């Protein structure tokens, strides 16, 4: 199981409040939150200060993903109710301006490294289902003109969720559930080819570090892990775990990296199946997009320390809360803002 993090990290700081390390950060964090009977997309400083609602619309916005160049945010919008819901792919500037739809029946978008193309997972059947792996194929949308083309191996891609592009542009990592000849696995999918590699690690929702040297994922509902990966190898594989974040009491999900690969964010909250009294929500496991997760907040931790961080034994020297209201705060995405991503309204 490893050991609890020592009192000093790689930078030599002692047991100071972890939040202080984030106060002068040049980065921000986008996330989804359910407030006033509506899903919206917020951004905040990594220490939790200055939260801003970017959307403030009547639609339900989820799953923000920020372009690598820090100029745009793509996201999902839900319109309609129940099985008639249409989940679509949208994009907007970093300040919420110039919002436009790119595709209907499009789930879990992810940016290509050049910030010019957005990948997404087409919905499996016309009728809506909230289950995250209700997908078939993979497509790419050119942001400039909205042109969409399928992945060259789209016919063999089935029941994927939570895809993430490698910084080198060669691979896409995703989870598969009850499809492609396996029950559950994390796969490397060649971005412009037909190779598929089973990484043979347990769990789901993987994402690459921005420096391309590590992978983070959730081996279980109560653990998040990082480990090295060599994406330039002929057959990439995952090395021994480096950081393990544990919480035996709550669920922890949706891990994401800071742009300098030094910090992680994650969603944390009690086990649940949603709350259908909330408009625009569905009933399923709380970690799934569109399911209300009462009591869930976003935390930040160090990615530079080796060993185990048990959140039930940790102190404010080990982590900080980005959100504190428990209003179904999920799907965090770090980014470094670019001045090109703001428009006058």
C-alpha atoms as a PDB file:
ATOM      1  CA  UNK A   1       0.000   0.000   0.000  1.00  0.00           C
ATOM      2  CA  UNK A   2       3.005   2.334   0.345  1.00  0.00           C
ATOM      3  CA  UNK A   3       3.394   5.012   2.979  1.00  0.00           C
ATOM      4  CA  UNK A   4       1.646   8.245   3.787  1.00  0.00           C
ATOM      5  CA  UNK A   5       3.232  11.260   2.181  1.00  0.00           C
ATOM      6  CA  UNK A   6       6.206  12.504   4.191  1.00  0.00           C
ATOM      7  CA  UNK A   7       6.254  15.915   5.818  1.00  0.00           C
ATOM      8  CA  UNK A   8       8.319  17.377   2.987  1.00  0.00           C
ATOM      9  CA  UNK A   9       7.667  17.254  -0.744  1.00  0.00           C
ATOM     10  CA  UNK A  10      10.124  17.433  -3.617  1.00  0.00           C
ATOM     11  CA  UNK A  11      10.337  21.203  -3.308  1.00  0.00           C
ATOM     12  CA  UNK A  12      11.396  21.002   0.322  1.00  0.00           C
ATOM     13  CA  UNK A  13       8.381  22.813   1.762  1.00  0.00           C
ATOM     14  CA  UNK A  14       7.255  21.766   5.223  1.00  0.00           C
ATOM     15  CA  UNK A  15       3.750  21.271   6.627  1.00  0.00           C
ATOM     16  CA  UNK A  16       2.467  24.633   5.427  1.00  0.00           C
ATOM     17  CA  UNK A  17      -1.121  24.862   4.241  1.00  0.00           C
ATOM     18  CA  UNK A  18      -1.254  23.290   0.773  1.00  0.00           C
ATOM     19  CA  UNK A  19      -3.617  25.985  -0.496  1.00  0.00           C
ATOM     20  CA  UNK A  20      -0.838  28.559  -0.121  1.00  0.00           C
ATOM     21  CA  UNK A  21       1.109  26.799  -2.878  1.00  0.00           C
ATOM     22  CA  UNK A  22      -1.771  27.535  -5.262  1.00  0.00           C
ATOM     23  CA  UNK A  23      -2.436  31.189  -4.450  1.00  0.00           C
ATOM     24  CA  UNK A  24      -0.031  32.613  -7.018  1.00  0.00           C
ATOM     25  CA  UNK A  25      -0.635  29.949  -9.641  1.00  0.00           C
ATOM     26  CA  UNK A  26      -0.925  31.185 -13.259  1.00  0.00           C
ATOM     27  CA  UNK A  27      -3.518  28.453 -13.888  1.00  0.00           C
ATOM     28  CA  UNK A  28      -7.277  28.162 -13.505  1.00  0.00           C
ATOM     29  CA  UNK A  29      -9.683  25.244 -13.207  1.00  0.00           C
ATOM     30  CA  UNK A  30     -12.928  24.790 -15.138  1.00  0.00           C
ATOM     31  CA  UNK A  31     -15.634  22.511 -13.755  1.00  0.00           C
ATOM     32  CA  UNK A  32     -19.334  21.708 -13.910  1.00  0.00           C
ATOM     33  CA  UNK A  33     -21.659  22.587 -11.041  1.00  0.00           C
ATOM     34  CA  UNK A  34     -25.400  22.231 -10.433  1.00  0.00           C
ATOM     35  CA  UNK A  35     -26.823  25.412  -8.922  1.00  0.00           C
ATOM     36  CA  UNK A  36     -30.291  27.000  -8.959  1.00  0.00           C
ATOM     37  CA  UNK A  37     -31.764  23.949 -10.735  1.00  0.00           C
ATOM     38  CA  UNK A  38     -29.313  24.168 -13.619  1.00  0.00           C
ATOM     39  CA  UNK A  39     -25.987  22.698 -14.715  1.00  0.00           C
ATOM     40  CA  UNK A  40     -23.435  25.397 -15.527  1.00  0.00           C
ATOM     41  CA  UNK A  41     -19.725  25.651 -16.242  1.00  0.00           C
ATOM     42  CA  UNK A  42     -17.571  27.615 -13.823  1.00  0.00           C
ATOM     43  CA  UNK A  43     -13.933  28.602 -13.693  1.00  0.00           C
ATOM     44  CA  UNK A  44     -11.978  29.413 -10.537  1.00  0.00           C
ATOM     45  CA  UNK A  45      -8.453  29.905  -9.297  1.00  0.00           C
ATOM     46  CA  UNK A  46      -6.815  26.652  -8.108  1.00  0.00           C
ATOM     47  CA  UNK A  47      -7.070  27.835  -4.495  1.00  0.00           C
ATOM     48  CA  UNK A  48     -10.839  28.161  -4.952  1.00  0.00           C
ATOM     49  CA  UNK A  49     -11.031  31.946  -5.112  1.00  0.00           C
ATOM     50  CA  UNK A  50     -12.911  33.988  -7.714  1.00  0.00           C
ATOM     51  CA  UNK A  51     -15.394  31.404  -9.046  1.00  0.00           C
ATOM     52  CA  UNK A  52     -17.136  32.650 -12.216  1.00  0.00           C
ATOM     53  CA  UNK A  53     -20.191  31.157 -13.938  1.00  0.00           C
ATOM     54  CA  UNK A  54     -19.411  31.208 -17.666  1.00  0.00           C
ATOM     55  CA  UNK A  55     -22.689  29.924 -19.048  1.00  0.00           C
ATOM     56  CA  UNK A  56     -25.745  31.193 -17.111  1.00  0.00           C
ATOM     57  CA  UNK A  57     -28.117  29.745 -19.713  1.00  0.00           C
ATOM     58  CA  UNK A  58     -31.363  27.792 -19.571  1.00  0.00           C
ATOM     59  CA  UNK A  59     -29.620  24.737 -21.022  1.00  0.00           C
ATOM     60  CA  UNK A  60     -27.679  22.214 -18.961  1.00  0.00           C
ATOM     61  CA  UNK A  61     -23.918  22.427 -19.619  1.00  0.00           C
ATOM     62  CA  UNK A  62     -21.496  19.685 -18.571  1.00  0.00           C
ATOM     63  CA  UNK A  63     -18.039  18.249 -19.087  1.00  0.00           C
ATOM     64  CA  UNK A  64     -15.838  21.302 -19.803  1.00  0.00           C
ATOM     65  CA  UNK A  65     -12.595  20.637 -21.657  1.00  0.00           C
ATOM     66  CA  UNK A  66     -10.151  23.493 -22.246  1.00  0.00           C
ATOM     67  CA  UNK A  67      -8.077  23.671 -25.425  1.00  0.00           C
ATOM     68  CA  UNK A  68      -4.330  23.119 -24.918  1.00  0.00           C
ATOM     69  CA  UNK A  69      -3.624  26.675 -26.098  1.00  0.00           C
ATOM     70  CA  UNK A  70      -5.943  28.067 -23.393  1.00  0.00           C
ATOM     71  CA  UNK A  71      -8.297  29.924 -25.749  1.00  0.00           C
ATOM     72  CA  UNK A  72     -11.496  27.845 -25.912  1.00  0.00           C
ATOM     73  CA  UNK A  73     -13.695  25.488 -23.917  1.00  0.00           C
ATOM     74  CA  UNK A  74     -15.677  22.653 -25.458  1.00  0.00           C
ATOM     75  CA  UNK A  75     -18.502  21.068 -23.500  1.00  0.00           C
ATOM     76  CA  UNK A  76     -21.727  19.080 -23.658  1.00  0.00           C
ATOM     77  CA  UNK A  77     -25.224  20.539 -23.524  1.00  0.00           C
ATOM     78  CA  UNK A  78     -28.360  18.566 -22.591  1.00  0.00           C
ATOM     79  CA  UNK A  79     -31.706  19.695 -24.018  1.00  0.00           C
ATOM     80  CA  UNK A  80     -34.992  17.877 -23.481  1.00  0.00           C
ATOM     81  CA  UNK A  81     -36.106  15.355 -20.888  1.00  0.00           C
ATOM     82  CA  UNK A  82     -35.618  11.637 -20.260  1.00  0.00           C
ATOM     83  CA  UNK A  83     -35.038   9.405 -23.294  1.00  0.00           C
ATOM     84  CA  UNK A  84     -35.789  12.386 -25.552  1.00  0.00           C
ATOM     85  CA  UNK A  85     -32.774  14.317 -24.277  1.00  0.00           C
ATOM     86  CA  UNK A  86     -30.276  15.423 -26.918  1.00  0.00           C
ATOM     87  CA  UNK A  87     -26.694  15.747 -25.713  1.00  0.00           C
ATOM     88  CA  UNK A  88     -24.685  17.932 -28.076  1.00  0.00           C
ATOM     89  CA  UNK A  89     -21.155  19.258 -28.495  1.00  0.00           C
ATOM     90  CA  UNK A  90     -20.538  22.992 -28.173  1.00  0.00           C
ATOM     91  CA  UNK A  91     -17.533  25.312 -28.069  1.00  0.00           C
ATOM     92  CA  UNK A  92     -17.042  28.828 -26.703  1.00  0.00           C
ATOM     93  CA  UNK A  93     -14.297  31.315 -25.942  1.00  0.00           C
ATOM     94  CA  UNK A  94     -12.616  31.191 -22.575  1.00  0.00           C
ATOM     95  CA  UNK A  95     -14.916  33.907 -21.221  1.00  0.00           C
ATOM     96  CA  UNK A  96     -18.107  32.238 -22.492  1.00  0.00           C
ATOM     97  CA  UNK A  97     -18.467  34.384 -25.608  1.00  0.00           C
ATOM     98  CA  UNK A  98     -18.984  33.146 -29.205  1.00  0.00           C
ATOM     99  CA  UNK A  99     -20.812  30.034 -28.110  1.00  0.00           C
ATOM    100  CA  UNK A 100     -21.828  27.656 -30.910  1.00  0.00           C
ATOM    101  CA  UNK A 101     -23.022  24.108 -31.480  1.00  0.00           C
ATOM    102  CA  UNK A 102     -20.848  21.670 -33.419  1.00  0.00           C
ATOM    103  CA  UNK A 103     -22.729  18.337 -33.318  1.00  0.00           C
ATOM    104  CA  UNK A 104     -25.769  16.564 -31.853  1.00  0.00           C
ATOM    105  CA  UNK A 105     -25.720  13.153 -30.127  1.00  0.00           C
ATOM    106  CA  UNK A 106     -22.071  13.845 -29.279  1.00  0.00           C
ATOM    107  CA  UNK A 107     -20.534  12.856 -25.934  1.00  0.00           C
ATOM    108  CA  UNK A 108     -17.377  13.358 -23.883  1.00  0.00           C
ATOM    109  CA  UNK A 109     -15.327  15.691 -26.099  1.00  0.00           C
ATOM    110  CA  UNK A 110     -11.542  15.906 -26.004  1.00  0.00           C
ATOM    111  CA  UNK A 111      -9.065  18.268 -27.658  1.00  0.00           C
ATOM    112  CA  UNK A 112      -6.343  17.355 -30.103  1.00  0.00           C
ATOM    113  CA  UNK A 113      -2.931  18.789 -29.146  1.00  0.00           C
ATOM    114  CA  UNK A 114      -3.113  21.450 -31.895  1.00  0.00           C
ATOM    115  CA  UNK A 115      -6.316  22.972 -30.363  1.00  0.00           C
ATOM    116  CA  UNK A 116      -7.877  22.915 -33.845  1.00  0.00           C
ATOM    117  CA  UNK A 117      -9.787  19.631 -33.622  1.00  0.00           C
ATOM    118  CA  UNK A 118     -12.182  18.233 -31.018  1.00  0.00           C
ATOM    119  CA  UNK A 119     -12.723  14.496 -30.763  1.00  0.00           C
ATOM    120  CA  UNK A 120     -16.028  13.143 -29.467  1.00  0.00           C
ATOM    121  CA  UNK A 121     -17.944   9.890 -29.026  1.00  0.00           C
ATOM    122  CA  UNK A 122     -21.168   9.520 -31.047  1.00  0.00           C
ATOM    123  CA  UNK A 123     -24.186   8.258 -29.121  1.00  0.00           C
ATOM    124  CA  UNK A 124     -24.903   4.556 -29.623  1.00  0.00           C
ATOM    125  CA  UNK A 125     -28.636   4.841 -30.465  1.00  0.00           C
ATOM    126  CA  UNK A 126     -30.967   7.799 -31.193  1.00  0.00           C
ATOM    127  CA  UNK A 127     -32.800   7.496 -27.864  1.00  0.00           C
ATOM    128  CA  UNK A 128     -30.824   8.940 -24.946  1.00  0.00           C
ATOM    129  CA  UNK A 129     -29.296   6.888 -22.137  1.00  0.00           C
ATOM    130  CA  UNK A 130     -27.243   8.498 -19.378  1.00  0.00           C
ATOM    131  CA  UNK A 131     -24.798   5.566 -19.048  1.00  0.00           C
ATOM    132  CA  UNK A 132     -21.343   6.881 -19.909  1.00  0.00           C
ATOM    133  CA  UNK A 133     -20.370   4.057 -22.294  1.00  0.00           C
ATOM    134  CA  UNK A 134     -23.527   4.447 -24.430  1.00  0.00           C
ATOM    135  CA  UNK A 135     -21.295   5.243 -27.431  1.00  0.00           C
ATOM    136  CA  UNK A 136     -20.344   3.796 -30.792  1.00  0.00           C
ATOM    137  CA  UNK A 137     -17.385   4.920 -32.879  1.00  0.00           C
ATOM    138  CA  UNK A 138     -15.300   8.078 -32.560  1.00  0.00           C
ATOM    139  CA  UNK A 139     -15.357  11.286 -34.587  1.00  0.00           C
ATOM    140  CA  UNK A 140     -13.267  14.424 -35.035  1.00  0.00           C
ATOM    141  CA  UNK A 141     -14.675  17.919 -35.551  1.00  0.00           C
ATOM    142  CA  UNK A 142     -12.618  20.741 -37.047  1.00  0.00           C
ATOM    143  CA  UNK A 143     -13.373  23.801 -34.920  1.00  0.00           C
ATOM    144  CA  UNK A 144     -12.833  26.370 -37.653  1.00  0.00           C
ATOM    145  CA  UNK A 145     -15.577  25.161 -39.987  1.00  0.00           C
ATOM    146  CA  UNK A 146     -17.375  22.348 -38.110  1.00  0.00           C
ATOM    147  CA  UNK A 147     -16.314  19.637 -40.565  1.00  0.00           C
ATOM    148  CA  UNK A 148     -16.705  16.167 -38.994  1.00  0.00           C
ATOM    149  CA  UNK A 149     -14.974  12.964 -40.011  1.00  0.00           C
ATOM    150  CA  UNK A 150     -14.883   9.532 -38.348  1.00  0.00           C
ATOM    151  CA  UNK A 151     -11.837   7.954 -36.780  1.00  0.00           C
ATOM    152  CA  UNK A 152     -10.242   5.637 -39.403  1.00  0.00           C
ATOM    153  CA  UNK A 153     -10.996   2.659 -37.141  1.00  0.00           C
ATOM    154  CA  UNK A 154     -14.403   3.929 -35.980  1.00  0.00           C
ATOM    155  CA  UNK A 155     -16.215   0.736 -36.982  1.00  0.00           C
ATOM    156  CA  UNK A 156     -14.335  -1.236 -34.329  1.00  0.00           C
ATOM    157  CA  UNK A 157     -14.702   1.312 -31.506  1.00  0.00           C
ATOM    158  CA  UNK A 158     -17.630   0.530 -29.243  1.00  0.00           C
ATOM    159  CA  UNK A 159     -18.677   1.412 -25.677  1.00  0.00           C
ATOM    160  CA  UNK A 160     -15.794   3.811 -25.052  1.00  0.00           C
ATOM    161  CA  UNK A 161     -15.875   6.646 -22.541  1.00  0.00           C
ATOM    162  CA  UNK A 162     -13.644   9.402 -21.162  1.00  0.00           C
ATOM    163  CA  UNK A 163     -11.148   9.680 -24.054  1.00  0.00           C
ATOM    164  CA  UNK A 164      -7.983  11.772 -23.751  1.00  0.00           C
ATOM    165  CA  UNK A 165      -5.459  12.725 -26.451  1.00  0.00           C
ATOM    166  CA  UNK A 166      -1.740  12.134 -25.879  1.00  0.00           C
ATOM    167  CA  UNK A 167       0.330  15.332 -26.096  1.00  0.00           C
ATOM    168  CA  UNK A 168       2.391  13.816 -28.933  1.00  0.00           C
ATOM    169  CA  UNK A 169      -0.785  13.306 -30.980  1.00  0.00           C
ATOM    170  CA  UNK A 170      -0.089   9.609 -31.598  1.00  0.00           C
ATOM    171  CA  UNK A 171      -2.500   8.006 -29.145  1.00  0.00           C
ATOM    172  CA  UNK A 172      -5.902   8.404 -27.539  1.00  0.00           C
ATOM    173  CA  UNK A 173      -6.527   6.713 -24.203  1.00  0.00           C
ATOM    174  CA  UNK A 174     -10.045   5.703 -23.150  1.00  0.00           C
ATOM    175  CA  UNK A 175     -12.012   3.204 -21.100  1.00  0.00           C
ATOM    176  CA  UNK A 176     -14.115   0.486 -22.727  1.00  0.00           C
ATOM    177  CA  UNK A 177     -16.986  -1.241 -20.942  1.00  0.00           C
ATOM    178  CA  UNK A 178     -18.689  -4.367 -22.325  1.00  0.00           C
ATOM    179  CA  UNK A 179     -17.378  -3.853 -25.834  1.00  0.00           C
ATOM    180  CA  UNK A 180     -14.529  -4.575 -28.242  1.00  0.00           C
ATOM    181  CA  UNK A 181     -14.122  -8.110 -26.906  1.00  0.00           C
ATOM    182  CA  UNK A 182     -13.449  -7.149 -23.277  1.00  0.00           C
ATOM    183  CA  UNK A 183     -15.551  -6.644 -20.167  1.00  0.00           C
ATOM    184  CA  UNK A 184     -13.679  -3.597 -18.902  1.00  0.00           C
ATOM    185  CA  UNK A 185     -10.282  -2.158 -19.840  1.00  0.00           C
ATOM    186  CA  UNK A 186      -8.214   0.964 -20.435  1.00  0.00           C
ATOM    187  CA  UNK A 187      -7.073   1.125 -24.043  1.00  0.00           C
ATOM    188  CA  UNK A 188      -4.560   3.039 -26.119  1.00  0.00           C
ATOM    189  CA  UNK A 189      -6.105   3.777 -29.513  1.00  0.00           C
ATOM    190  CA  UNK A 190      -3.901   4.917 -32.372  1.00  0.00           C
ATOM    191  CA  UNK A 191      -5.144   8.400 -33.226  1.00  0.00           C
ATOM    192  CA  UNK A 192      -4.839   8.035 -37.005  1.00  0.00           C
ATOM    193  CA  UNK A 193      -4.490   4.286 -37.414  1.00  0.00           C
ATOM    194  CA  UNK A 194      -5.943   0.948 -36.390  1.00  0.00           C
ATOM    195  CA  UNK A 195      -3.683  -0.177 -33.521  1.00  0.00           C
ATOM    196  CA  UNK A 196      -5.350  -0.800 -30.157  1.00  0.00           C
ATOM    197  CA  UNK A 197      -3.331  -1.673 -27.037  1.00  0.00           C
ATOM    198  CA  UNK A 198      -4.853  -2.976 -23.816  1.00  0.00           C
ATOM    199  CA  UNK A 199      -2.810  -1.314 -21.055  1.00  0.00           C
ATOM    200  CA  UNK A 200      -3.893  -4.078 -18.648  1.00  0.00           C
ATOM    201  CA  UNK A 201      -4.492  -1.769 -15.713  1.00  0.00           C
ATOM    202  CA  UNK A 202      -7.718  -1.833 -13.694  1.00  0.00           C
ATOM    203  CA  UNK A 203     -10.215   0.990 -13.529  1.00  0.00           C
ATOM    204  CA  UNK A 204     -11.353   3.856 -15.715  1.00  0.00           C
ATOM    205  CA  UNK A 205     -11.228   7.531 -16.753  1.00  0.00           C
ATOM    206  CA  UNK A 206      -7.562   7.834 -17.733  1.00  0.00           C
ATOM    207  CA  UNK A 207      -5.799  11.052 -18.734  1.00  0.00           C
ATOM    208  CA  UNK A 208      -2.247  11.911 -19.796  1.00  0.00           C
ATOM    209  CA  UNK A 209      -0.083  14.437 -18.017  1.00  0.00           C
ATOM    210  CA  UNK A 210       0.611  17.505 -20.184  1.00  0.00           C
ATOM    211  CA  UNK A 211       4.306  16.590 -20.366  1.00  0.00           C
ATOM    212  CA  UNK A 212       3.304  13.205 -21.808  1.00  0.00           C
ATOM    213  CA  UNK A 213       5.306  11.235 -19.259  1.00  0.00           C
ATOM    214  CA  UNK A 214       2.558   9.989 -16.917  1.00  0.00           C
ATOM    215  CA  UNK A 215      -0.934   8.563 -16.897  1.00  0.00           C
ATOM    216  CA  UNK A 216      -3.541   9.175 -14.192  1.00  0.00           C
ATOM    217  CA  UNK A 217      -6.662   7.043 -13.743  1.00  0.00           C
ATOM    218  CA  UNK A 218      -9.007   5.541 -11.175  1.00  0.00           C
ATOM    219  CA  UNK A 219      -8.240   1.884 -10.362  1.00  0.00           C
ATOM    220  CA  UNK A 220     -11.424   1.800  -8.256  1.00  0.00           C
ATOM    221  CA  UNK A 221     -14.182   4.054  -6.930  1.00  0.00           C
ATOM    222  CA  UNK A 222     -11.952   4.829  -3.936  1.00  0.00           C
ATOM    223  CA  UNK A 223      -8.527   5.301  -5.530  1.00  0.00           C
ATOM    224  CA  UNK A 224      -6.757   7.525  -8.038  1.00  0.00           C
ATOM    225  CA  UNK A 225      -3.276   6.638  -9.275  1.00  0.00           C
ATOM    226  CA  UNK A 226      -0.497   8.082 -11.409  1.00  0.00           C
ATOM    227  CA  UNK A 227       2.264   6.081 -13.085  1.00  0.00           C
ATOM    228  CA  UNK A 228       4.896   6.642 -15.793  1.00  0.00           C
ATOM    229  CA  UNK A 229       4.213   5.786 -19.422  1.00  0.00           C
ATOM    230  CA  UNK A 230       6.540   5.911 -22.442  1.00  0.00           C
ATOM    231  CA  UNK A 231       4.431   7.098 -25.346  1.00  0.00           C
ATOM    232  CA  UNK A 232       7.357   6.952 -27.763  1.00  0.00           C
ATOM    233  CA  UNK A 233       7.867   3.206 -27.273  1.00  0.00           C
ATOM    234  CA  UNK A 234       6.725   0.834 -30.014  1.00  0.00           C
ATOM    235  CA  UNK A 235       4.244  -0.688 -27.571  1.00  0.00           C
ATOM    236  CA  UNK A 236       3.646   1.763 -24.699  1.00  0.00           C
ATOM    237  CA  UNK A 237       2.983   0.322 -21.255  1.00  0.00           C
ATOM    238  CA  UNK A 238       2.303   1.707 -17.792  1.00  0.00           C
ATOM    239  CA  UNK A 239       4.982   1.516 -15.089  1.00  0.00           C
ATOM    240  CA  UNK A 240       4.728   1.108 -11.328  1.00  0.00           C
ATOM    241  CA  UNK A 241       2.352   3.471  -9.485  1.00  0.00           C
ATOM    242  CA  UNK A 242       3.920   6.670  -8.244  1.00  0.00           C
ATOM    243  CA  UNK A 243       1.121   8.549  -6.468  1.00  0.00           C
ATOM    244  CA  UNK A 244      -1.931   6.833  -4.995  1.00  0.00           C
ATOM    245  CA  UNK A 245      -4.787   8.896  -3.563  1.00  0.00           C
ATOM    246  CA  UNK A 246      -7.186   6.871  -1.413  1.00  0.00           C
ATOM    247  CA  UNK A 247     -10.561   7.480   0.224  1.00  0.00           C
ATOM    248  CA  UNK A 248     -12.275   4.446   1.736  1.00  0.00           C
ATOM    249  CA  UNK A 249     -15.339   6.510   2.709  1.00  0.00           C
ATOM    250  CA  UNK A 250     -16.131   8.625  -0.353  1.00  0.00           C
ATOM    251  CA  UNK A 251     -15.929   8.110  -4.082  1.00  0.00           C
ATOM    252  CA  UNK A 252     -13.067   9.907  -5.859  1.00  0.00           C
ATOM    253  CA  UNK A 253     -13.147  10.447  -9.619  1.00  0.00           C
ATOM    254  CA  UNK A 254     -12.380  12.739 -12.580  1.00  0.00           C
ATOM    255  CA  UNK A 255      -8.657  13.238 -12.056  1.00  0.00           C
ATOM    256  CA  UNK A 256      -6.955  15.945 -14.124  1.00  0.00           C
ATOM    257  CA  UNK A 257      -3.437  17.443 -14.340  1.00  0.00           C
ATOM    258  CA  UNK A 258      -2.235  21.020 -14.023  1.00  0.00           C
ATOM    259  CA  UNK A 259      -0.508  22.313 -17.186  1.00  0.00           C
ATOM    260  CA  UNK A 260       2.923  21.948 -15.534  1.00  0.00           C
ATOM    261  CA  UNK A 261       2.135  18.350 -14.428  1.00  0.00           C
ATOM    262  CA  UNK A 262       2.803  19.305 -10.774  1.00  0.00           C
ATOM    263  CA  UNK A 263      -0.738  19.142  -9.393  1.00  0.00           C
ATOM    264  CA  UNK A 264      -3.862  17.004  -9.674  1.00  0.00           C
ATOM    265  CA  UNK A 265      -7.510  17.846  -9.196  1.00  0.00           C
ATOM    266  CA  UNK A 266     -10.256  15.357  -8.445  1.00  0.00           C
ATOM    267  CA  UNK A 267     -13.952  15.087  -7.582  1.00  0.00           C
ATOM    268  CA  UNK A 268     -14.846  13.686  -4.163  1.00  0.00           C
ATOM    269  CA  UNK A 269     -18.179  12.924  -2.530  1.00  0.00           C
ATOM    270  CA  UNK A 270     -20.521  10.378  -0.958  1.00  0.00           C
ATOM    271  CA  UNK A 271     -21.793   7.313  -2.794  1.00  0.00           C
ATOM    272  CA  UNK A 272     -25.172   7.937  -4.411  1.00  0.00           C
ATOM    273  CA  UNK A 273     -27.476   7.429  -7.379  1.00  0.00           C
ATOM    274  CA  UNK A 274     -28.541  11.006  -8.052  1.00  0.00           C
ATOM    275  CA  UNK A 275     -31.667  12.973  -7.160  1.00  0.00           C
ATOM    276  CA  UNK A 276     -34.488  12.992  -9.715  1.00  0.00           C
ATOM    277  CA  UNK A 277     -36.151  15.937  -7.972  1.00  0.00           C
ATOM    278  CA  UNK A 278     -33.442  18.075  -9.590  1.00  0.00           C
ATOM    279  CA  UNK A 279     -34.525  19.247 -13.083  1.00  0.00           C
ATOM    280  CA  UNK A 280     -32.315  18.129 -15.957  1.00  0.00           C
ATOM    281  CA  UNK A 281     -30.703  15.262 -14.038  1.00  0.00           C
ATOM    282  CA  UNK A 282     -30.755  11.487 -14.289  1.00  0.00           C
ATOM    283  CA  UNK A 283     -30.503   8.493 -11.992  1.00  0.00           C
ATOM    284  CA  UNK A 284     -27.297   6.489 -12.059  1.00  0.00           C
ATOM    285  CA  UNK A 285     -23.907   6.458 -10.335  1.00  0.00           C
ATOM    286  CA  UNK A 286     -22.955   9.942  -9.167  1.00  0.00           C
ATOM    287  CA  UNK A 287     -19.761  10.108 -11.197  1.00  0.00           C
ATOM    288  CA  UNK A 288     -21.656   9.939 -14.514  1.00  0.00           C
ATOM    289  CA  UNK A 289     -22.281  13.105 -16.523  1.00  0.00           C
ATOM    290  CA  UNK A 290     -25.794  14.430 -15.891  1.00  0.00           C
ATOM    291  CA  UNK A 291     -26.286  12.705 -12.528  1.00  0.00           C
ATOM    292  CA  UNK A 292     -26.641  15.032  -9.550  1.00  0.00           C
ATOM    293  CA  UNK A 293     -23.927  14.330  -6.980  1.00  0.00           C
ATOM    294  CA  UNK A 294     -24.894  16.054  -3.753  1.00  0.00           C
ATOM    295  CA  UNK A 295     -21.969  16.717  -1.429  1.00  0.00           C
ATOM    296  CA  UNK A 296     -19.372  16.404  -4.192  1.00  0.00           C
ATOM    297  CA  UNK A 297     -16.542  18.933  -4.322  1.00  0.00           C
ATOM    298  CA  UNK A 298     -13.277  19.384  -6.187  1.00  0.00           C
ATOM    299  CA  UNK A 299      -9.923  18.985  -4.444  1.00  0.00           C
ATOM    300  CA  UNK A 300      -6.347  19.725  -5.473  1.00  0.00           C
ATOM    301  CA  UNK A 301      -3.331  17.651  -4.395  1.00  0.00           C
ATOM    302  CA  UNK A 302       0.355  17.425  -5.287  1.00  0.00           C
ATOM    303  CA  UNK A 303       1.432  15.174  -8.163  1.00  0.00           C
ATOM    304  CA  UNK A 304       5.093  15.479  -7.229  1.00  0.00           C
ATOM    305  CA  UNK A 305       5.116  13.303  -4.132  1.00  0.00           C
ATOM    306  CA  UNK A 306       5.461   9.528  -4.155  1.00  0.00           C
ATOM    307  CA  UNK A 307       3.477   7.121  -2.023  1.00  0.00           C
ATOM    308  CA  UNK A 308      -0.045   7.034  -0.646  1.00  0.00           C
ATOM    309  CA  UNK A 309      -2.238   9.966   0.309  1.00  0.00           C
ATOM    310  CA  UNK A 310      -5.157   8.791   2.436  1.00  0.00           C
ATOM    311  CA  UNK A 311      -7.672  11.632   2.298  1.00  0.00           C
ATOM    312  CA  UNK A 312      -9.309  10.426   5.510  1.00  0.00           C
ATOM    313  CA  UNK A 313      -6.021  10.940   7.353  1.00  0.00           C
ATOM    314  CA  UNK A 314      -4.716  13.926   5.405  1.00  0.00           C
ATOM    315  CA  UNK A 315      -4.533  17.495   6.691  1.00  0.00           C
ATOM    316  CA  UNK A 316      -4.736  20.855   4.950  1.00  0.00           C
ATOM    317  CA  UNK A 317      -1.005  20.491   4.391  1.00  0.00           C
ATOM    318  CA  UNK A 318      -1.776  17.691   1.910  1.00  0.00           C
ATOM    319  CA  UNK A 319      -4.725  19.015  -0.107  1.00  0.00           C
ATOM    320  CA  UNK A 320      -7.066  21.949  -0.581  1.00  0.00           C
ATOM    321  CA  UNK A 321     -10.660  22.347  -1.711  1.00  0.00           C
ATOM    322  CA  UNK A 322     -11.349  24.175  -4.930  1.00  0.00           C
ATOM    323  CA  UNK A 323     -15.097  24.141  -4.198  1.00  0.00           C
ATOM    324  CA  UNK A 324     -16.853  23.883  -0.838  1.00  0.00           C
ATOM    325  CA  UNK A 325     -20.608  24.101  -1.465  1.00  0.00           C
ATOM    326  CA  UNK A 326     -21.175  20.436  -2.422  1.00  0.00           C
ATOM    327  CA  UNK A 327     -23.362  21.378  -5.413  1.00  0.00           C
ATOM    328  CA  UNK A 328     -22.367  18.432  -7.624  1.00  0.00           C
ATOM    329  CA  UNK A 329     -18.979  19.903  -8.543  1.00  0.00           C
ATOM    330  CA  UNK A 330     -17.346  17.503 -11.008  1.00  0.00           C
ATOM    331  CA  UNK A 331     -15.215  17.113 -14.130  1.00  0.00           C
ATOM    332  CA  UNK A 332     -12.445  19.608 -13.372  1.00  0.00           C
ATOM    333  CA  UNK A 333     -10.075  20.748 -16.141  1.00  0.00           C
ATOM    334  CA  UNK A 334      -6.913  22.766 -15.479  1.00  0.00           C
ATOM    335  CA  UNK A 335      -5.686  25.357 -17.972  1.00  0.00           C
ATOM    336  CA  UNK A 336      -3.417  28.335 -18.436  1.00  0.00           C
ATOM    337  CA  UNK A 337      -5.496  31.237 -19.729  1.00  0.00           C
ATOM    338  CA  UNK A 338      -4.528  32.906 -22.980  1.00  0.00           C
ATOM    339  CA  UNK A 339      -5.397  36.517 -23.718  1.00  0.00           C
ATOM    340  CA  UNK A 340      -6.609  35.322 -27.126  1.00  0.00           C
ATOM    341  CA  UNK A 341      -9.403  33.407 -25.394  1.00  0.00           C
ATOM    342  CA  UNK A 342     -11.278  36.457 -24.117  1.00  0.00           C
ATOM    343  CA  UNK A 343     -13.755  38.546 -26.088  1.00  0.00           C
ATOM    344  CA  UNK A 344     -15.535  41.764 -25.301  1.00  0.00           C
ATOM    345  CA  UNK A 345     -19.275  41.258 -24.867  1.00  0.00           C
END
